[in-house]
C-alpha cells in the first residue's frame, strides 16, 4: 500500500511497520526521511520508497533519520542528486541493517 503524505517539506514521518512507499504529490521544499519503528533483524536489507512529485522548483531528500538517529545517505554515483523540475522522482533508500544501519540512496526520474 502507498501512504499519501500530501503537501510536504521538512520531515516526512514514515512508520516502517505500516508502509514502505510514501507518495508526496506536492513537494514544497527539501525533505528528510524520518523512518520510525524500524525494528528489523541485524543482517537484513530493507527499503523505503518515496514518490516525489516536483513542481517548477525541484527539491530533494536531504537527510535520513532511523528511529531518531541521523544516518548519512550514500548516494549512487557518490553525490546527492538534485530533484527534477516538473517531473516525478522516485527515491529509494536501501537500508543494510548491520550493527549500525547503512543507507544507500538512488533517485530515478520519470516524465
C-alpha atoms as a PDB file:
ATOM      1  CA  UNK A   1       0.000   0.000   0.000  1.00  0.00           C
ATOM      2  CA  UNK A   2       1.016   3.598  -0.546  1.00  0.00           C
ATOM      3  CA  UNK A   3       0.816   6.308   2.105  1.00  0.00           C
ATOM      4  CA  UNK A   4      -0.207   9.729   0.714  1.00  0.00           C
ATOM      5  CA  UNK A   5       1.823  12.365   2.576  1.00  0.00           C
ATOM      6  CA  UNK A   6       0.199  15.373   0.848  1.00  0.00           C
ATOM      7  CA  UNK A   7       1.977  18.717   0.565  1.00  0.00           C
ATOM      8  CA  UNK A   8       5.291  18.500   2.297  1.00  0.00           C
ATOM      9  CA  UNK A   9       8.663  19.914   3.187  1.00  0.00           C
ATOM     10  CA  UNK A  10      10.805  19.139   6.223  1.00  0.00           C
ATOM     11  CA  UNK A  11      10.408  15.753   7.924  1.00  0.00           C
ATOM     12  CA  UNK A  12       8.332  13.072   6.275  1.00  0.00           C
ATOM     13  CA  UNK A  13       7.432  10.707   9.104  1.00  0.00           C
ATOM     14  CA  UNK A  14       7.453   7.116   7.894  1.00  0.00           C
ATOM     15  CA  UNK A  15       6.087   4.380  10.107  1.00  0.00           C
ATOM     16  CA  UNK A  16       8.094   1.412   8.845  1.00  0.00           C
ATOM     17  CA  UNK A  17       5.728  -1.140  10.415  1.00  0.00           C
ATOM     18  CA  UNK A  18       2.790   0.133   8.316  1.00  0.00           C
ATOM     19  CA  UNK A  19       4.149   1.320   4.952  1.00  0.00           C
ATOM     20  CA  UNK A  20       7.238   1.236   2.798  1.00  0.00           C
ATOM     21  CA  UNK A  21       6.053   3.533  -0.050  1.00  0.00           C
ATOM     22  CA  UNK A  22       5.339   7.219   0.535  1.00  0.00           C
ATOM     23  CA  UNK A  23       3.665   9.459  -2.086  1.00  0.00           C
ATOM     24  CA  UNK A  24       4.336  13.207  -1.882  1.00  0.00           C
ATOM     25  CA  UNK A  25       2.071  14.825  -4.533  1.00  0.00           C
ATOM     26  CA  UNK A  26       3.006  18.431  -3.705  1.00  0.00           C
ATOM     27  CA  UNK A  27       6.626  18.814  -2.673  1.00  0.00           C
ATOM     28  CA  UNK A  28       7.202  22.321  -1.271  1.00  0.00           C
ATOM     29  CA  UNK A  29      10.798  22.070  -0.015  1.00  0.00           C
ATOM     30  CA  UNK A  30      13.638  19.667   0.662  1.00  0.00           C
ATOM     31  CA  UNK A  31      12.594  16.755   2.850  1.00  0.00           C
ATOM     32  CA  UNK A  32      14.113  14.404   5.400  1.00  0.00           C
ATOM     33  CA  UNK A  33      13.136  10.754   5.519  1.00  0.00           C
ATOM     34  CA  UNK A  34      12.217  10.170   9.165  1.00  0.00           C
ATOM     35  CA  UNK A  35      11.908   6.374   9.394  1.00  0.00           C
ATOM     36  CA  UNK A  36      10.241   5.333  12.637  1.00  0.00           C
ATOM     37  CA  UNK A  37       9.627   1.875  14.137  1.00  0.00           C
ATOM     38  CA  UNK A  38      12.497   0.382  12.143  1.00  0.00           C
ATOM     39  CA  UNK A  39      12.814  -2.875  14.061  1.00  0.00           C
ATOM     40  CA  UNK A  40      14.312  -5.450  11.729  1.00  0.00           C
ATOM     41  CA  UNK A  41      16.894  -8.103  12.452  1.00  0.00           C
ATOM     42  CA  UNK A  42      20.601  -7.378  12.133  1.00  0.00           C
ATOM     43  CA  UNK A  43      21.962  -8.712   8.868  1.00  0.00           C
ATOM     44  CA  UNK A  44      18.856  -7.882   6.831  1.00  0.00           C
ATOM     45  CA  UNK A  45      18.195  -5.493   3.956  1.00  0.00           C
ATOM     46  CA  UNK A  46      15.077  -3.311   3.774  1.00  0.00           C
ATOM     47  CA  UNK A  47      13.960  -0.406   1.624  1.00  0.00           C
ATOM     48  CA  UNK A  48      11.738   2.659   1.695  1.00  0.00           C
ATOM     49  CA  UNK A  49      10.463   4.329  -1.468  1.00  0.00           C
ATOM     50  CA  UNK A  50       9.493   7.989  -1.775  1.00  0.00           C
ATOM     51  CA  UNK A  51       7.458   9.118  -4.819  1.00  0.00           C
ATOM     52  CA  UNK A  52       8.110  12.854  -5.117  1.00  0.00           C
ATOM     53  CA  UNK A  53       6.005  14.954  -7.496  1.00  0.00           C
ATOM     54  CA  UNK A  54       8.060  18.013  -8.412  1.00  0.00           C
ATOM     55  CA  UNK A  55       6.686  21.429  -9.341  1.00  0.00           C
ATOM     56  CA  UNK A  56       8.509  24.220 -11.172  1.00  0.00           C
ATOM     57  CA  UNK A  57      11.111  24.282  -8.372  1.00  0.00           C
ATOM     58  CA  UNK A  58      12.751  20.930  -7.732  1.00  0.00           C
ATOM     59  CA  UNK A  59      13.597  19.628  -4.267  1.00  0.00           C
ATOM     60  CA  UNK A  60      15.365  16.570  -2.925  1.00  0.00           C
ATOM     61  CA  UNK A  61      15.783  14.275   0.073  1.00  0.00           C
ATOM     62  CA  UNK A  62      18.433  15.929   2.213  1.00  0.00           C
ATOM     63  CA  UNK A  63      18.608  13.683   5.310  1.00  0.00           C
ATOM     64  CA  UNK A  64      17.625  10.308   6.675  1.00  0.00           C
ATOM     65  CA  UNK A  65      16.767   9.501  10.276  1.00  0.00           C
ATOM     66  CA  UNK A  66      16.261   5.957  11.529  1.00  0.00           C
ATOM     67  CA  UNK A  67      14.472   5.750  14.872  1.00  0.00           C
ATOM     68  CA  UNK A  68      15.553   9.342  15.608  1.00  0.00           C
ATOM     69  CA  UNK A  69      19.251   8.946  14.726  1.00  0.00           C
ATOM     70  CA  UNK A  70      20.597  10.733  11.654  1.00  0.00           C
ATOM     71  CA  UNK A  71      22.192   8.413   9.082  1.00  0.00           C
ATOM     72  CA  UNK A  72      24.256   9.514   6.113  1.00  0.00           C
ATOM     73  CA  UNK A  73      22.804   8.656   2.732  1.00  0.00           C
ATOM     74  CA  UNK A  74      25.410   7.063   0.477  1.00  0.00           C
ATOM     75  CA  UNK A  75      24.093   8.187  -2.925  1.00  0.00           C
ATOM     76  CA  UNK A  76      24.508   6.224  -6.130  1.00  0.00           C
ATOM     77  CA  UNK A  77      27.237   7.961  -8.123  1.00  0.00           C
ATOM     78  CA  UNK A  78      28.807   9.438  -4.990  1.00  0.00           C
ATOM     79  CA  UNK A  79      26.885  12.703  -4.554  1.00  0.00           C
ATOM     80  CA  UNK A  80      23.399  13.827  -3.575  1.00  0.00           C
ATOM     81  CA  UNK A  81      21.238  14.209  -6.688  1.00  0.00           C
ATOM     82  CA  UNK A  82      19.135  17.276  -7.359  1.00  0.00           C
ATOM     83  CA  UNK A  83      15.430  16.914  -7.933  1.00  0.00           C
ATOM     84  CA  UNK A  84      13.992  17.412 -11.417  1.00  0.00           C
ATOM     85  CA  UNK A  85      11.524  20.262 -12.019  1.00  0.00           C
ATOM     86  CA  UNK A  86       8.062  19.299 -13.312  1.00  0.00           C
ATOM     87  CA  UNK A  87       8.917  15.589 -13.149  1.00  0.00           C
ATOM     88  CA  UNK A  88       8.244  12.691 -10.825  1.00  0.00           C
ATOM     89  CA  UNK A  89      11.249  11.496  -8.859  1.00  0.00           C
ATOM     90  CA  UNK A  90      11.419   8.138  -7.138  1.00  0.00           C
ATOM     91  CA  UNK A  91      13.896   7.994  -4.268  1.00  0.00           C
ATOM     92  CA  UNK A  92      14.742   4.532  -2.992  1.00  0.00           C
ATOM     93  CA  UNK A  93      16.557   4.228   0.317  1.00  0.00           C
ATOM     94  CA  UNK A  94      18.007   0.760   0.821  1.00  0.00           C
ATOM     95  CA  UNK A  95      18.966   0.075   4.419  1.00  0.00           C
ATOM     96  CA  UNK A  96      21.625  -2.520   5.182  1.00  0.00           C
ATOM     97  CA  UNK A  97      20.963  -3.298   8.813  1.00  0.00           C
ATOM     98  CA  UNK A  98      24.386  -4.117  10.201  1.00  0.00           C
ATOM     99  CA  UNK A  99      25.309  -3.212  13.774  1.00  0.00           C
ATOM    100  CA  UNK A 100      24.975   0.377  12.505  1.00  0.00           C
ATOM    101  CA  UNK A 101      22.490   0.791   9.629  1.00  0.00           C
ATOM    102  CA  UNK A 102      23.976   1.833   6.288  1.00  0.00           C
ATOM    103  CA  UNK A 103      21.677   3.812   3.963  1.00  0.00           C
ATOM    104  CA  UNK A 104      22.142   3.620   0.186  1.00  0.00           C
ATOM    105  CA  UNK A 105      20.162   6.106  -1.908  1.00  0.00           C
ATOM    106  CA  UNK A 106      19.222   6.402  -5.540  1.00  0.00           C
ATOM    107  CA  UNK A 107      16.963   8.750  -7.481  1.00  0.00           C
ATOM    108  CA  UNK A 108      15.171   7.826 -10.709  1.00  0.00           C
ATOM    109  CA  UNK A 109      13.212  10.403 -12.745  1.00  0.00           C
ATOM    110  CA  UNK A 110      10.026   9.871 -14.777  1.00  0.00           C
ATOM    111  CA  UNK A 111       8.040  12.196 -17.038  1.00  0.00           C
END
